[in-house]
Amino acid sequence: QVQLVESGGGLVQPGGSLRLSCAASGSIFSIYNMGWYRQAPGIPRELVAIITSGGNINNADSVKGRFTISRDDAKNTVYLQMNSLKPEDTAVYYCNADIRTGWRSTANYWGQGTQVTVSS
């Protein structure tokens, strides 16, 4: 079984920073793409940032220059450093990863989500 566990969410004032972490555990052979998505009430879940196993990064236009995604493959962990936070960044943030668990078994996994609230 594979689990993705997020941490680091919370309440922050506009202009502040937060760092999200997501650790994958379980029967892991290798991890390909790792990413962060977010969902605000009444809005479809949207991609925030994704990083490939080769280190290529794709960011949503709304977070470019403010958010930085990174990964530590030794720890099976992906991070999202969020700076200059805005009220419109308020959402539940979800970790996502494509994980190989066996010789021919690769699947997509989601974390349980962590709330980020940007408010004064």
N, C-alpha and C. Protein backbone atom coordinates (compact mmCIF):
# COMPACT_ATOMS: atom_id res chain seq x y z
N GLN A 1 0.83 -1.18 0.00
CA GLN A 1 0.00 0.00 0.00
C GLN A 1 0.87 1.24 0.00
N VAL A 2 0.40 2.27 -0.66
CA VAL A 2 1.12 3.54 -0.74
C VAL A 2 0.28 4.63 -0.11
N GLN A 3 0.92 5.47 0.66
CA GLN A 3 0.26 6.63 1.25
C GLN A 3 1.03 7.90 0.94
N LEU A 4 0.31 8.98 0.70
CA LEU A 4 0.89 10.32 0.59
C LEU A 4 0.35 11.14 1.75
N VAL A 5 1.24 11.69 2.54
CA VAL A 5 0.83 12.44 3.72
C VAL A 5 1.38 13.85 3.63
N GLU A 6 0.44 14.81 3.58
CA GLU A 6 0.83 16.22 3.48
C GLU A 6 0.94 16.84 4.87
N SER A 7 1.74 17.89 4.97
CA SER A 7 1.85 18.67 6.19
C SER A 7 2.27 20.09 5.82
N GLY A 8 2.08 21.02 6.76
CA GLY A 8 2.57 22.37 6.57
C GLY A 8 1.52 23.42 6.28
N GLY A 9 0.26 23.02 6.13
CA GLY A 9 -0.79 23.99 5.88
C GLY A 9 -1.09 24.81 7.13
N GLY A 10 -1.95 25.81 6.96
CA GLY A 10 -2.32 26.63 8.10
C GLY A 10 -2.87 27.98 7.69
N LEU A 11 -2.93 28.87 8.66
CA LEU A 11 -3.43 30.24 8.45
C LEU A 11 -2.24 31.18 8.38
N VAL A 12 -2.24 32.02 7.36
CA VAL A 12 -1.14 32.98 7.19
C VAL A 12 -1.71 34.29 6.67
N GLN A 13 -1.06 35.38 7.00
CA GLN A 13 -1.50 36.69 6.53
C GLN A 13 -1.06 36.92 5.08
N PRO A 14 -1.78 37.75 4.36
CA PRO A 14 -1.35 38.10 2.99
C PRO A 14 0.10 38.59 2.98
N GLY A 15 0.85 38.11 2.00
CA GLY A 15 2.26 38.44 1.91
C GLY A 15 3.16 37.47 2.64
N GLY A 16 2.57 36.58 3.41
CA GLY A 16 3.35 35.62 4.18
C GLY A 16 3.77 34.41 3.38
N SER A 17 4.40 33.46 4.08
CA SER A 17 4.93 32.26 3.43
C SER A 17 4.52 31.01 4.20
N LEU A 18 4.43 29.93 3.47
CA LEU A 18 4.22 28.60 4.03
C LEU A 18 5.01 27.60 3.19
N ARG A 19 5.39 26.51 3.82
CA ARG A 19 6.05 25.43 3.10
C ARG A 19 5.27 24.15 3.33
N LEU A 20 4.77 23.58 2.25
CA LEU A 20 4.07 22.31 2.31
C LEU A 20 5.03 21.17 2.03
N SER A 21 4.80 20.05 2.71
CA SER A 21 5.57 18.84 2.46
C SER A 21 4.61 17.69 2.20
N CYS A 22 5.06 16.75 1.40
CA CYS A 22 4.27 15.54 1.13
C CYS A 22 5.23 14.37 1.05
N ALA A 23 5.06 13.44 1.97
CA ALA A 23 5.92 12.27 2.02
C ALA A 23 5.17 11.03 1.56
N ALA A 24 5.77 10.31 0.65
CA ALA A 24 5.20 9.06 0.18
C ALA A 24 5.82 7.90 0.95
N SER A 25 4.98 6.94 1.32
CA SER A 25 5.47 5.78 2.06
C SER A 25 4.75 4.53 1.57
N GLY A 26 5.36 3.39 1.86
CA GLY A 26 4.77 2.13 1.46
C GLY A 26 5.68 1.38 0.52
N SER A 27 5.08 0.53 -0.25
CA SER A 27 5.84 -0.33 -1.17
C SER A 27 6.14 0.45 -2.45
N ILE A 28 7.24 1.20 -2.45
CA ILE A 28 7.57 2.10 -3.54
C ILE A 28 8.80 1.60 -4.28
N PHE A 29 8.64 1.41 -5.59
CA PHE A 29 9.77 1.04 -6.42
C PHE A 29 10.45 2.29 -6.96
N SER A 30 9.65 3.21 -7.48
CA SER A 30 10.16 4.50 -7.94
C SER A 30 9.00 5.47 -8.08
N ILE A 31 9.33 6.76 -8.08
CA ILE A 31 8.32 7.81 -8.20
C ILE A 31 8.61 8.65 -9.44
N TYR A 32 7.63 8.83 -10.27
CA TYR A 32 7.79 9.64 -11.48
C TYR A 32 7.36 11.07 -11.18
N ASN A 33 6.30 11.56 -11.83
CA ASN A 33 5.86 12.93 -11.57
C ASN A 33 5.33 13.08 -10.16
N MET A 34 5.66 14.21 -9.54
CA MET A 34 5.08 14.60 -8.25
C MET A 34 4.56 16.01 -8.40
N GLY A 35 3.40 16.27 -7.80
CA GLY A 35 2.83 17.59 -8.00
C GLY A 35 1.90 18.01 -6.89
N TRP A 36 1.50 19.26 -6.99
CA TRP A 36 0.55 19.86 -6.06
C TRP A 36 -0.63 20.42 -6.85
N TYR A 37 -1.82 20.16 -6.32
CA TYR A 37 -3.06 20.69 -6.86
C TYR A 37 -3.77 21.42 -5.73
N ARG A 38 -4.73 22.25 -6.08
CA ARG A 38 -5.52 22.91 -5.05
C ARG A 38 -6.97 23.02 -5.48
N GLN A 39 -7.82 23.10 -4.47
CA GLN A 39 -9.25 23.23 -4.75
C GLN A 39 -9.88 24.17 -3.73
N ALA A 40 -10.46 25.24 -4.24
CA ALA A 40 -11.20 26.18 -3.41
C ALA A 40 -12.68 25.85 -3.54
N PRO A 41 -13.50 26.26 -2.59
CA PRO A 41 -14.93 25.95 -2.64
C PRO A 41 -15.57 26.44 -3.94
N GLY A 42 -16.31 25.55 -4.60
CA GLY A 42 -17.02 25.91 -5.81
C GLY A 42 -16.17 25.99 -7.06
N ILE A 43 -14.89 25.64 -6.94
CA ILE A 43 -13.97 25.72 -8.07
C ILE A 43 -13.36 24.34 -8.31
N PRO A 44 -13.24 23.92 -9.58
CA PRO A 44 -12.62 22.61 -9.86
C PRO A 44 -11.17 22.57 -9.38
N ARG A 45 -10.72 21.38 -9.04
CA ARG A 45 -9.33 21.21 -8.63
C ARG A 45 -8.42 21.63 -9.78
N GLU A 46 -7.36 22.37 -9.45
CA GLU A 46 -6.46 22.88 -10.47
C GLU A 46 -5.01 22.56 -10.13
N LEU A 47 -4.21 22.42 -11.19
CA LEU A 47 -2.79 22.17 -11.01
C LEU A 47 -2.11 23.43 -10.49
N VAL A 48 -1.25 23.25 -9.49
CA VAL A 48 -0.42 24.34 -8.99
C VAL A 48 0.99 24.23 -9.56
N ALA A 49 1.59 23.06 -9.39
CA ALA A 49 2.95 22.85 -9.89
C ALA A 49 3.22 21.36 -9.96
N ILE A 50 4.08 20.98 -10.90
CA ILE A 50 4.45 19.58 -11.05
C ILE A 50 5.94 19.49 -11.36
N ILE A 51 6.58 18.45 -10.84
CA ILE A 51 8.00 18.24 -11.08
C ILE A 51 8.20 16.79 -11.51
N THR A 52 8.93 16.60 -12.59
CA THR A 52 9.17 15.25 -13.09
C THR A 52 10.34 14.62 -12.35
N SER A 53 10.55 13.34 -12.60
CA SER A 53 11.68 12.64 -11.99
C SER A 53 13.01 13.20 -12.49
N GLY A 54 12.98 13.84 -13.65
CA GLY A 54 14.18 14.45 -14.19
C GLY A 54 14.39 15.88 -13.75
N GLY A 55 13.45 16.40 -12.95
CA GLY A 55 13.59 17.75 -12.41
C GLY A 55 12.93 18.84 -13.24
N ASN A 56 12.23 18.47 -14.32
CA ASN A 56 11.52 19.48 -15.10
C ASN A 56 10.29 19.95 -14.33
N ILE A 57 10.03 21.24 -14.38
CA ILE A 57 8.97 21.85 -13.58
C ILE A 57 7.98 22.60 -14.46
N ASN A 58 6.72 22.47 -14.09
CA ASN A 58 5.67 23.23 -14.75
C ASN A 58 4.83 23.88 -13.66
N ASN A 59 4.70 25.20 -13.72
CA ASN A 59 3.92 25.95 -12.74
C ASN A 59 2.70 26.57 -13.38
N ALA A 60 1.64 26.69 -12.60
CA ALA A 60 0.48 27.46 -13.05
C ALA A 60 0.88 28.92 -13.16
N ASP A 61 0.29 29.61 -14.12
CA ASP A 61 0.63 31.03 -14.31
C ASP A 61 0.36 31.85 -13.06
N SER A 62 -0.66 31.47 -12.31
CA SER A 62 -1.07 32.24 -11.14
C SER A 62 -0.06 32.18 -10.00
N VAL A 63 0.87 31.22 -10.04
CA VAL A 63 1.82 31.09 -8.94
C VAL A 63 3.27 31.31 -9.38
N LYS A 64 3.49 31.56 -10.66
CA LYS A 64 4.85 31.76 -11.15
C LYS A 64 5.51 32.95 -10.45
N GLY A 65 6.74 32.73 -10.01
CA GLY A 65 7.48 33.77 -9.31
C GLY A 65 7.19 33.83 -7.82
N ARG A 66 6.19 33.06 -7.36
CA ARG A 66 5.84 33.07 -5.93
C ARG A 66 6.01 31.70 -5.29
N PHE A 67 5.65 30.63 -6.01
CA PHE A 67 5.72 29.28 -5.47
C PHE A 67 6.87 28.52 -6.12
N THR A 68 7.51 27.66 -5.34
CA THR A 68 8.60 26.83 -5.85
C THR A 68 8.38 25.39 -5.42
N ILE A 69 8.35 24.49 -6.40
CA ILE A 69 8.23 23.07 -6.11
C ILE A 69 9.62 22.43 -6.16
N SER A 70 9.83 21.47 -5.26
CA SER A 70 11.10 20.74 -5.25
C SER A 70 10.83 19.34 -4.72
N ARG A 71 11.81 18.46 -4.88
CA ARG A 71 11.63 17.09 -4.40
C ARG A 71 12.95 16.56 -3.86
N ASP A 72 12.81 15.64 -2.91
CA ASP A 72 13.96 14.94 -2.33
C ASP A 72 13.68 13.46 -2.53
N ASP A 73 14.29 12.88 -3.54
CA ASP A 73 14.00 11.49 -3.87
C ASP A 73 14.51 10.52 -2.80
N ALA A 74 15.51 10.90 -2.05
CA ALA A 74 16.00 10.04 -0.97
C ALA A 74 14.96 9.89 0.13
N LYS A 75 14.09 10.90 0.24
CA LYS A 75 13.05 10.89 1.27
C LYS A 75 11.67 10.66 0.68
N ASN A 76 11.58 10.44 -0.63
CA ASN A 76 10.28 10.27 -1.30
C ASN A 76 9.34 11.42 -0.96
N THR A 77 9.86 12.62 -0.97
CA THR A 77 9.11 13.79 -0.52
C THR A 77 9.13 14.90 -1.56
N VAL A 78 8.00 15.57 -1.70
CA VAL A 78 7.89 16.74 -2.55
C VAL A 78 7.49 17.92 -1.67
N TYR A 79 8.03 19.09 -2.01
CA TYR A 79 7.78 20.29 -1.24
C TYR A 79 7.15 21.37 -2.12
N LEU A 80 6.44 22.29 -1.47
CA LEU A 80 5.94 23.47 -2.16
C LEU A 80 6.20 24.67 -1.26
N GLN A 81 7.17 25.48 -1.65
CA GLN A 81 7.45 26.72 -0.93
C GLN A 81 6.57 27.80 -1.51
N MET A 82 5.74 28.39 -0.67
CA MET A 82 4.78 29.39 -1.11
C MET A 82 5.12 30.74 -0.47
N ASN A 83 5.48 31.69 -1.29
CA ASN A 83 5.81 33.03 -0.82
C ASN A 83 4.80 34.05 -1.37
N SER A 84 4.80 35.22 -0.78
CA SER A 84 3.91 36.30 -1.24
C SER A 84 2.48 35.81 -1.40
N LEU A 85 2.00 35.11 -0.40
CA LEU A 85 0.67 34.52 -0.48
C LEU A 85 -0.42 35.57 -0.56
N LYS A 86 -1.46 35.22 -1.33
CA LYS A 86 -2.60 36.10 -1.55
C LYS A 86 -3.87 35.43 -1.06
N PRO A 87 -4.90 36.20 -0.72
CA PRO A 87 -6.17 35.56 -0.30
C PRO A 87 -6.70 34.57 -1.32
N GLU A 88 -6.47 34.81 -2.59
CA GLU A 88 -6.96 33.89 -3.63
C GLU A 88 -6.18 32.58 -3.68
N ASP A 89 -5.12 32.46 -2.90
CA ASP A 89 -4.41 31.19 -2.78
C ASP A 89 -5.08 30.26 -1.77
N THR A 90 -6.08 30.76 -1.06
CA THR A 90 -6.79 29.96 -0.07
C THR A 90 -7.47 28.77 -0.74
N ALA A 91 -7.16 27.58 -0.25
CA ALA A 91 -7.69 26.36 -0.84
C ALA A 91 -7.20 25.17 -0.03
N VAL A 92 -7.75 24.01 -0.34
CA VAL A 92 -7.16 22.76 0.14
C VAL A 92 -6.12 22.32 -0.90
N TYR A 93 -4.92 22.07 -0.44
CA TYR A 93 -3.82 21.69 -1.32
C TYR A 93 -3.61 20.18 -1.23
N TYR A 94 -3.55 19.55 -2.40
CA TYR A 94 -3.41 18.11 -2.50
C TYR A 94 -2.10 17.74 -3.17
N CYS A 95 -1.45 16.75 -2.61
CA CYS A 95 -0.26 16.17 -3.22
C CYS A 95 -0.69 15.05 -4.17
N ASN A 96 0.06 14.90 -5.25
CA ASN A 96 -0.24 13.87 -6.24
C ASN A 96 1.05 13.28 -6.76
N ALA A 97 1.05 11.97 -7.01
CA ALA A 97 2.28 11.35 -7.51
C ALA A 97 1.97 10.11 -8.32
N ASP A 98 2.79 9.88 -9.33
CA ASP A 98 2.76 8.64 -10.10
C ASP A 98 3.84 7.73 -9.54
N ILE A 99 3.42 6.61 -9.00
CA ILE A 99 4.33 5.75 -8.25
C ILE A 99 4.33 4.33 -8.80
N ARG A 100 5.52 3.84 -9.01
CA ARG A 100 5.69 2.45 -9.44
C ARG A 100 5.88 1.60 -8.20
N THR A 101 5.01 0.60 -8.06
CA THR A 101 5.05 -0.24 -6.87
C THR A 101 5.50 -1.67 -7.17
N GLY A 102 5.72 -1.94 -8.44
CA GLY A 102 6.16 -3.28 -8.79
C GLY A 102 6.70 -3.31 -10.20
N TRP A 103 7.03 -4.48 -10.69
CA TRP A 103 7.66 -4.60 -12.00
C TRP A 103 6.80 -4.00 -13.11
N ARG A 104 5.47 -4.21 -13.02
CA ARG A 104 4.57 -3.69 -14.06
C ARG A 104 3.41 -2.91 -13.45
N SER A 105 3.60 -2.39 -12.27
CA SER A 105 2.49 -1.74 -11.58
C SER A 105 2.82 -0.29 -11.26
N THR A 106 2.16 0.62 -11.98
CA THR A 106 2.29 2.05 -11.72
C THR A 106 0.90 2.65 -11.58
N ALA A 107 0.71 3.48 -10.59
CA ALA A 107 -0.59 4.08 -10.35
C ALA A 107 -0.44 5.52 -9.88
N ASN A 108 -1.54 6.25 -9.96
CA ASN A 108 -1.57 7.64 -9.52
C ASN A 108 -2.19 7.72 -8.13
N TYR A 109 -1.56 8.45 -7.25
CA TYR A 109 -2.01 8.53 -5.86
C TYR A 109 -2.23 9.99 -5.45
N TRP A 110 -3.19 10.16 -4.51
CA TRP A 110 -3.49 11.47 -3.96
C TRP A 110 -3.30 11.46 -2.44
N GLY A 111 -2.88 12.60 -1.91
CA GLY A 111 -2.88 12.78 -0.47
C GLY A 111 -4.26 13.19 0.00
N GLN A 112 -4.38 13.36 1.32
CA GLN A 112 -5.68 13.67 1.91
C GLN A 112 -6.00 15.16 1.87
N GLY A 113 -5.01 15.97 1.57
CA GLY A 113 -5.22 17.41 1.47
C GLY A 113 -4.85 18.14 2.74
N THR A 114 -4.37 19.38 2.59
CA THR A 114 -4.06 20.23 3.72
C THR A 114 -4.59 21.63 3.43
N GLN A 115 -5.24 22.21 4.42
CA GLN A 115 -5.88 23.52 4.23
C GLN A 115 -4.86 24.64 4.34
N VAL A 116 -4.91 25.55 3.36
CA VAL A 116 -4.13 26.78 3.40
C VAL A 116 -5.12 27.94 3.35
N THR A 117 -5.05 28.79 4.37
CA THR A 117 -5.94 29.94 4.44
C THR A 117 -5.10 31.21 4.53
N VAL A 118 -5.33 32.13 3.59
CA VAL A 118 -4.59 33.39 3.57
C VAL A 118 -5.59 34.50 3.90
N SER A 119 -5.42 35.07 5.08
CA SER A 119 -6.39 36.06 5.55
C SER A 119 -5.75 36.93 6.61
N SER A 120 -6.19 38.18 6.65
CA SER A 120 -5.72 39.09 7.70
C SER A 120 -6.69 39.09 8.87
